[in-house]
């Protein structure tokens, strides 16, 4: 998981936190005041910091302000833990850059969940794709690996925009970026809060339940195909294709942009590693792209199982 730094002058609280995070995969370092927290964070960068407000010497509020002034620590999520529960107090800490505020007494399991959520959000923001703002490849792998390790049934859908390079060559990067952003916005709208990520270029990923994956794939292909003609000028739109050069420099006719969606699930096979998801989705994607006389977007859910099953 990572490393958590706890700053609180209460030894009983430190012991409580050590028990709460025991066996979770998190490594915990504990200090008794704000000055020690700053020194420890500079010595070894934590993945998250839990700060008490009332500590001797450098207070939690002063430590938070100092953390946010340092470029190297600016993005480390900070969770304030305090016995103060007023709206004014919470507003002040959020104004200084706190990521969350937990009031004592609290459920240790809730604090653990809040820490992990804050770390997950920060990692996604850091690794987000600059064009769409969606989580990038590291966050995608983390989300998929989390589903695998949890043992839940899930679906991993790889979404590729077909004929995108030809479109980009013909219409330029500005219009190409518009196609990518349109696909991303459409996916965000349809997915309804399910995890979506932008691998890069014209490739996206959806991680959800098997049933949701099918419903989203059906609607996404239908709505993208309805929008696709609008990316072209009248001549190309009426012809239903563009003429440009392929990767070998030969002149070719390319259909309008469309989507290939490869859906992989662990319903009928055991998936232990993210690499297995990537391999299976790439296999399905190659099959979809090679379909003869294909028109428009297509999706396919892998219904095969492991050979031993």
Protein backbone atom coordinates (compact mmCIF):
# COMPACT_ATOMS: atom_id res chain seq x y z
CA UNK A 1 0.00 0.00 0.00
CA UNK A 2 2.50 2.62 1.16
CA UNK A 3 3.66 4.60 4.17
CA UNK A 4 1.57 6.64 6.61
CA UNK A 5 3.00 9.28 8.93
CA UNK A 6 1.00 9.94 12.13
CA UNK A 7 1.63 13.08 14.20
CA UNK A 8 -0.08 13.09 17.59
CA UNK A 9 1.30 13.65 21.10
CA UNK A 10 -1.08 11.09 22.61
CA UNK A 11 0.74 7.74 22.99
CA UNK A 12 -2.60 5.92 23.35
CA UNK A 13 -3.75 7.36 20.02
CA UNK A 14 -0.51 6.27 18.35
CA UNK A 15 -1.02 2.74 19.68
CA UNK A 16 -4.62 2.74 18.45
CA UNK A 17 -3.48 3.75 14.97
CA UNK A 18 -0.75 1.10 14.94
CA UNK A 19 -3.43 -1.54 15.67
CA UNK A 20 -5.86 -0.08 13.12
CA UNK A 21 -3.33 -0.24 10.30
CA UNK A 22 -1.81 -3.56 11.36
CA UNK A 23 -2.15 -6.20 8.66
CA UNK A 24 -3.42 -3.74 6.05
CA UNK A 25 -0.20 -3.44 4.10
CA UNK A 26 0.47 0.09 5.30
CA UNK A 27 3.72 0.94 7.08
CA UNK A 28 3.18 3.37 9.95
CA UNK A 29 5.61 5.92 11.41
CA UNK A 30 4.51 7.95 14.45
CA UNK A 31 5.83 11.22 15.91
CA UNK A 32 4.65 13.43 18.78
CA UNK A 33 4.67 16.97 17.34
CA UNK A 34 4.53 19.03 14.16
CA UNK A 35 8.26 19.73 13.98
CA UNK A 36 9.07 16.02 14.14
CA UNK A 37 6.40 15.37 11.49
CA UNK A 38 8.05 17.80 9.09
CA UNK A 39 11.49 16.34 9.73
CA UNK A 40 10.26 12.76 9.28
CA UNK A 41 8.35 13.63 6.07
CA UNK A 42 11.48 15.20 4.60
CA UNK A 43 13.58 12.20 5.61
CA UNK A 44 11.24 9.72 3.92
CA UNK A 45 8.24 10.93 1.93
CA UNK A 46 4.98 9.39 3.21
CA UNK A 47 1.99 8.49 1.04
CA UNK A 48 -0.35 10.12 3.56
CA UNK A 49 -0.12 12.15 6.77
CA UNK A 50 -2.51 12.03 9.75
CA UNK A 51 -2.23 15.22 11.81
CA UNK A 52 -3.61 16.08 15.23
CA UNK A 53 -4.29 19.82 15.61
CA UNK A 54 -3.27 20.35 19.25
CA UNK A 55 0.36 19.33 19.69
CA UNK A 56 3.17 20.98 21.65
CA UNK A 57 5.65 23.16 19.80
CA UNK A 58 4.65 23.22 16.13
CA UNK A 59 0.89 22.64 16.01
CA UNK A 60 -0.93 20.53 13.45
CA UNK A 61 -2.19 23.64 11.70
CA UNK A 62 1.34 25.07 11.44
CA UNK A 63 2.66 21.74 10.19
CA UNK A 64 -0.09 21.57 7.55
CA UNK A 65 0.73 25.07 6.31
CA UNK A 66 4.44 24.19 6.12
CA UNK A 67 3.69 20.97 4.21
CA UNK A 68 1.65 22.82 1.62
CA UNK A 69 4.44 25.37 1.13
CA UNK A 70 6.95 22.66 0.21
CA UNK A 71 6.79 21.62 -3.45
CA UNK A 72 8.02 18.10 -2.72
CA UNK A 73 5.20 17.46 -0.21
CA UNK A 74 2.48 19.62 -1.71
CA UNK A 75 0.48 16.71 -3.10
CA UNK A 76 0.75 14.36 -0.12
CA UNK A 77 -2.79 13.89 1.26
CA UNK A 78 -3.22 15.20 4.81
CA UNK A 79 -6.05 14.02 7.06
CA UNK A 80 -6.74 16.12 10.16
CA UNK A 81 -7.84 14.21 13.29
CA UNK A 82 -9.18 16.44 16.05
CA UNK A 83 -11.62 16.68 18.92
CA UNK A 84 -12.78 20.06 17.56
CA UNK A 85 -15.98 19.68 15.57
CA UNK A 86 -17.05 23.20 14.62
CA UNK A 87 -17.77 24.17 11.00
CA UNK A 88 -15.38 27.11 11.34
CA UNK A 89 -12.54 24.84 12.44
CA UNK A 90 -13.08 22.42 9.58
CA UNK A 91 -13.28 25.26 7.07
CA UNK A 92 -10.00 26.69 8.34
CA UNK A 93 -8.16 23.39 7.91
CA UNK A 94 -9.60 22.76 4.46
CA UNK A 95 -8.57 26.29 3.56
CA UNK A 96 -4.99 25.43 4.50
CA UNK A 97 -5.05 22.40 2.24
CA UNK A 98 -6.32 19.48 4.34
CA UNK A 99 -7.77 16.64 2.26
CA UNK A 100 -10.09 15.33 4.96
CA UNK A 101 -11.15 16.03 8.55
CA UNK A 102 -12.07 13.31 11.05
CA UNK A 103 -13.51 14.15 14.47
CA UNK A 104 -12.52 12.25 17.62
CA UNK A 105 -13.79 9.80 18.73
CA UNK A 106 -13.99 7.87 15.46
CA UNK A 107 -14.16 4.36 14.04
CA UNK A 108 -10.60 3.25 13.10
CA UNK A 109 -12.00 1.37 10.08
CA UNK A 110 -13.56 4.61 8.83
CA UNK A 111 -10.28 6.47 9.22
CA UNK A 112 -8.46 3.74 7.29
CA UNK A 113 -11.03 3.99 4.49
CA UNK A 114 -10.69 7.78 4.36
CA UNK A 115 -6.90 7.57 4.21
CA UNK A 116 -7.00 5.03 1.39
CA UNK A 117 -9.57 7.08 -0.52
CA UNK A 118 -7.45 10.23 -0.18
CA UNK A 119 -4.33 8.39 -1.39
CA UNK A 120 -6.25 6.87 -4.30
CA UNK A 121 -7.62 10.27 -5.37
CA UNK A 122 -4.17 11.85 -5.19
CA UNK A 123 -2.55 9.12 -7.24
CA UNK A 124 -5.25 9.37 -9.87
CA UNK A 125 -4.90 13.15 -10.08
CA UNK A 126 -1.12 12.96 -10.40
CA UNK A 127 -1.31 10.32 -13.12
CA UNK A 128 -4.34 11.72 -14.95
CA UNK A 129 -4.26 12.20 -18.69
CA UNK A 130 -3.63 15.91 -19.50
CA UNK A 131 -6.09 15.93 -22.41
CA UNK A 132 -9.14 14.37 -20.75
CA UNK A 133 -8.30 14.62 -17.04
CA UNK A 134 -9.16 10.93 -16.65
CA UNK A 135 -6.98 8.60 -14.58
CA UNK A 136 -3.97 7.39 -16.56
CA UNK A 137 -2.26 4.03 -16.98
CA UNK A 138 -0.85 3.71 -13.42
CA UNK A 139 -4.26 4.38 -11.86
CA UNK A 140 -5.93 1.95 -14.27
CA UNK A 141 -3.55 -0.83 -13.31
CA UNK A 142 -4.03 -0.02 -9.61
CA UNK A 143 -7.83 -0.14 -9.90
CA UNK A 144 -7.81 -3.42 -11.86
CA UNK A 145 -5.30 -4.98 -9.43
CA UNK A 146 -7.47 -3.89 -6.50
CA UNK A 147 -10.47 -5.68 -8.02
CA UNK A 148 -8.39 -8.79 -8.67
CA UNK A 149 -7.01 -8.95 -5.12
CA UNK A 150 -10.45 -8.34 -3.56
CA UNK A 151 -11.88 -11.43 -5.24
CA UNK A 152 -15.01 -9.65 -6.53
CA UNK A 153 -16.56 -10.41 -9.91
CA UNK A 154 -15.74 -7.57 -12.30
CA UNK A 155 -15.43 -6.60 -15.95
CA UNK A 156 -12.52 -4.88 -17.67
CA UNK A 157 -13.49 -3.19 -20.93
CA UNK A 158 -10.82 -1.88 -23.31
CA UNK A 159 -12.14 0.81 -25.67
CA UNK A 160 -10.24 1.77 -28.82
CA UNK A 161 -11.15 4.38 -31.45
CA UNK A 162 -10.80 2.73 -34.86
CA UNK A 163 -9.31 4.56 -37.84
CA UNK A 164 -8.20 7.37 -35.56
CA UNK A 165 -4.70 7.82 -37.05
CA UNK A 166 -6.14 8.24 -40.53
CA UNK A 167 -8.60 10.82 -39.19
CA UNK A 168 -5.85 12.63 -37.31
CA UNK A 169 -3.64 12.74 -40.43
CA UNK A 170 -6.45 14.11 -42.54
CA UNK A 171 -8.08 16.57 -40.13
CA UNK A 172 -5.18 17.52 -37.85
CA UNK A 173 -4.41 17.26 -34.15
CA UNK A 174 -6.95 19.84 -33.00
CA UNK A 175 -9.85 17.88 -34.51
CA UNK A 176 -8.28 14.60 -33.42
CA UNK A 177 -8.19 15.85 -29.82
CA UNK A 178 -11.84 16.79 -30.15
CA UNK A 179 -12.73 13.20 -31.11
CA UNK A 180 -10.83 11.88 -28.08
CA UNK A 181 -12.45 14.39 -25.71
CA UNK A 182 -15.89 13.64 -27.14
CA UNK A 183 -15.39 9.90 -26.58
CA UNK A 184 -14.18 10.58 -23.03
CA UNK A 185 -17.14 12.84 -22.21
CA UNK A 186 -19.58 10.32 -23.64
CA UNK A 187 -18.01 7.50 -21.65
CA UNK A 188 -18.14 9.58 -18.45
CA UNK A 189 -21.80 10.41 -19.03
CA UNK A 190 -22.87 6.84 -19.76
CA UNK A 191 -20.74 5.12 -17.12
CA UNK A 192 -22.53 6.91 -14.28
CA UNK A 193 -19.64 6.97 -11.84
CA UNK A 194 -18.02 3.63 -12.72
CA UNK A 195 -14.22 3.69 -13.01
CA UNK A 196 -12.98 4.93 -16.37
CA UNK A 197 -9.41 5.67 -17.37
CA UNK A 198 -7.49 7.02 -20.34
CA UNK A 199 -4.58 4.76 -21.24
CA UNK A 200 -3.31 7.34 -23.72
CA UNK A 201 -3.94 8.34 -27.31
CA UNK A 202 -7.30 6.94 -28.41
CA UNK A 203 -7.49 4.10 -25.86
CA UNK A 204 -9.74 4.02 -22.79
CA UNK A 205 -10.60 1.51 -20.06
CA UNK A 206 -13.79 0.89 -18.09
CA UNK A 207 -13.73 -1.21 -14.89
CA UNK A 208 -17.16 -2.16 -13.61
CA UNK A 209 -19.49 -5.12 -13.07
CA UNK A 210 -20.15 -7.56 -15.95
CA UNK A 211 -23.76 -6.47 -16.30
CA UNK A 212 -22.90 -2.78 -16.34
CA UNK A 213 -20.12 -3.38 -18.87
CA UNK A 214 -22.59 -4.85 -21.36
CA UNK A 215 -25.13 -2.05 -20.89
CA UNK A 216 -22.46 0.65 -21.19
CA UNK A 217 -20.88 -0.96 -24.26
CA UNK A 218 -24.24 -1.16 -26.02
CA UNK A 219 -25.11 2.47 -25.38
CA UNK A 220 -21.61 3.78 -26.00
CA UNK A 221 -21.30 2.16 -29.43
CA UNK A 222 -24.75 3.35 -30.45
CA UNK A 223 -24.25 6.94 -29.36
CA UNK A 224 -20.68 7.25 -30.67
CA UNK A 225 -21.78 6.06 -34.12
CA UNK A 226 -24.53 8.68 -34.09
CA UNK A 227 -21.93 11.40 -33.40
CA UNK A 228 -19.14 10.17 -35.68
CA UNK A 229 -20.39 11.66 -38.98
CA UNK A 230 -20.29 15.11 -37.39
CA UNK A 231 -16.49 14.91 -37.14
CA UNK A 232 -16.19 15.05 -40.96
CA UNK A 233 -16.81 17.54 -43.76
CA UNK A 234 -19.82 17.07 -46.01
CA UNK A 235 -17.93 15.27 -48.79
CA UNK A 236 -16.33 12.68 -46.51
CA UNK A 237 -19.54 12.28 -44.52
CA UNK A 238 -21.63 11.53 -47.61
CA UNK A 239 -19.00 9.11 -48.92
CA UNK A 240 -18.72 7.45 -45.52
CA UNK A 241 -14.94 7.34 -45.66
CA UNK A 242 -11.75 9.35 -46.18
CA UNK A 243 -8.83 8.79 -48.52
CA UNK A 244 -5.38 9.18 -47.00
CA UNK A 245 -2.11 7.27 -46.64
CA UNK A 246 -1.57 4.28 -44.35
CA UNK A 247 1.50 3.58 -42.19
CA UNK A 248 3.36 2.23 -45.23
CA UNK A 249 2.68 5.39 -47.22
CA UNK A 250 0.14 3.76 -49.54
CA UNK A 251 -3.07 5.59 -50.41
CA UNK A 252 -6.07 3.91 -48.81
CA UNK A 253 -9.73 4.46 -48.07
CA UNK A 254 -10.58 4.50 -44.36
CA UNK A 255 -14.10 4.25 -42.87
CA UNK A 256 -15.38 6.81 -40.38
CA UNK A 257 -14.09 6.55 -36.84
CA UNK A 258 -15.80 3.95 -34.68
CA UNK A 259 -15.18 2.01 -31.47
CA UNK A 260 -13.91 -1.48 -30.74
CA UNK A 261 -14.78 -2.56 -27.17
CA UNK A 262 -13.25 -5.73 -25.73
CA UNK A 263 -14.90 -6.87 -22.49
CA UNK A 264 -13.05 -9.32 -20.24
CA UNK A 265 -14.51 -10.70 -16.99
CA UNK A 266 -13.48 -13.13 -14.29
CA UNK A 267 -16.90 -14.80 -14.28
CA UNK A 268 -15.69 -17.99 -15.97
CA UNK A 269 -11.94 -17.77 -15.62
CA UNK A 270 -9.41 -17.02 -12.89
CA UNK A 271 -7.49 -13.79 -13.41
CA UNK A 272 -4.59 -13.24 -11.04
CA UNK A 273 -2.60 -10.46 -12.68
CA UNK A 274 -3.28 -7.23 -14.54
CA UNK A 275 -1.09 -8.45 -17.41
CA UNK A 276 -3.61 -11.24 -18.04
CA UNK A 277 -6.39 -8.69 -18.45
CA UNK A 278 -4.27 -6.72 -20.91
CA UNK A 279 -3.46 -9.83 -22.95
CA UNK A 280 -7.06 -11.05 -23.15
CA UNK A 281 -8.46 -7.64 -24.09
CA UNK A 282 -5.76 -7.18 -26.77
CA UNK A 283 -6.70 -10.57 -28.24
CA UNK A 284 -10.39 -9.64 -28.45
CA UNK A 285 -9.58 -6.22 -29.85
CA UNK A 286 -7.51 -7.77 -32.67
CA UNK A 287 -10.43 -10.05 -33.49
CA UNK A 288 -12.88 -7.14 -33.64
CA UNK A 289 -10.61 -5.03 -35.82
CA UNK A 290 -10.18 -7.95 -38.24
CA UNK A 291 -13.90 -8.58 -38.77
CA UNK A 292 -14.65 -8.55 -42.55
CA UNK A 293 -17.17 -6.05 -43.94
CA UNK A 294 -17.52 -4.43 -40.56
CA UNK A 295 -19.57 -1.23 -40.32
CA UNK A 296 -19.55 1.05 -37.29
CA UNK A 297 -18.69 0.33 -33.70
CA UNK A 298 -18.69 -3.17 -32.23
CA UNK A 299 -18.22 -4.74 -28.81
CA UNK A 300 -17.65 -8.29 -27.65
CA UNK A 301 -17.73 -9.87 -24.21
CA UNK A 302 -15.32 -12.76 -23.78
CA UNK A 303 -17.48 -15.69 -22.67
CA UNK A 304 -14.71 -18.27 -22.70
CA UNK A 305 -13.55 -19.94 -19.52
CA UNK A 306 -10.33 -21.50 -18.34
CA UNK A 307 -9.56 -24.80 -20.00
CA UNK A 308 -9.66 -26.66 -16.69
CA UNK A 309 -13.16 -25.44 -15.89
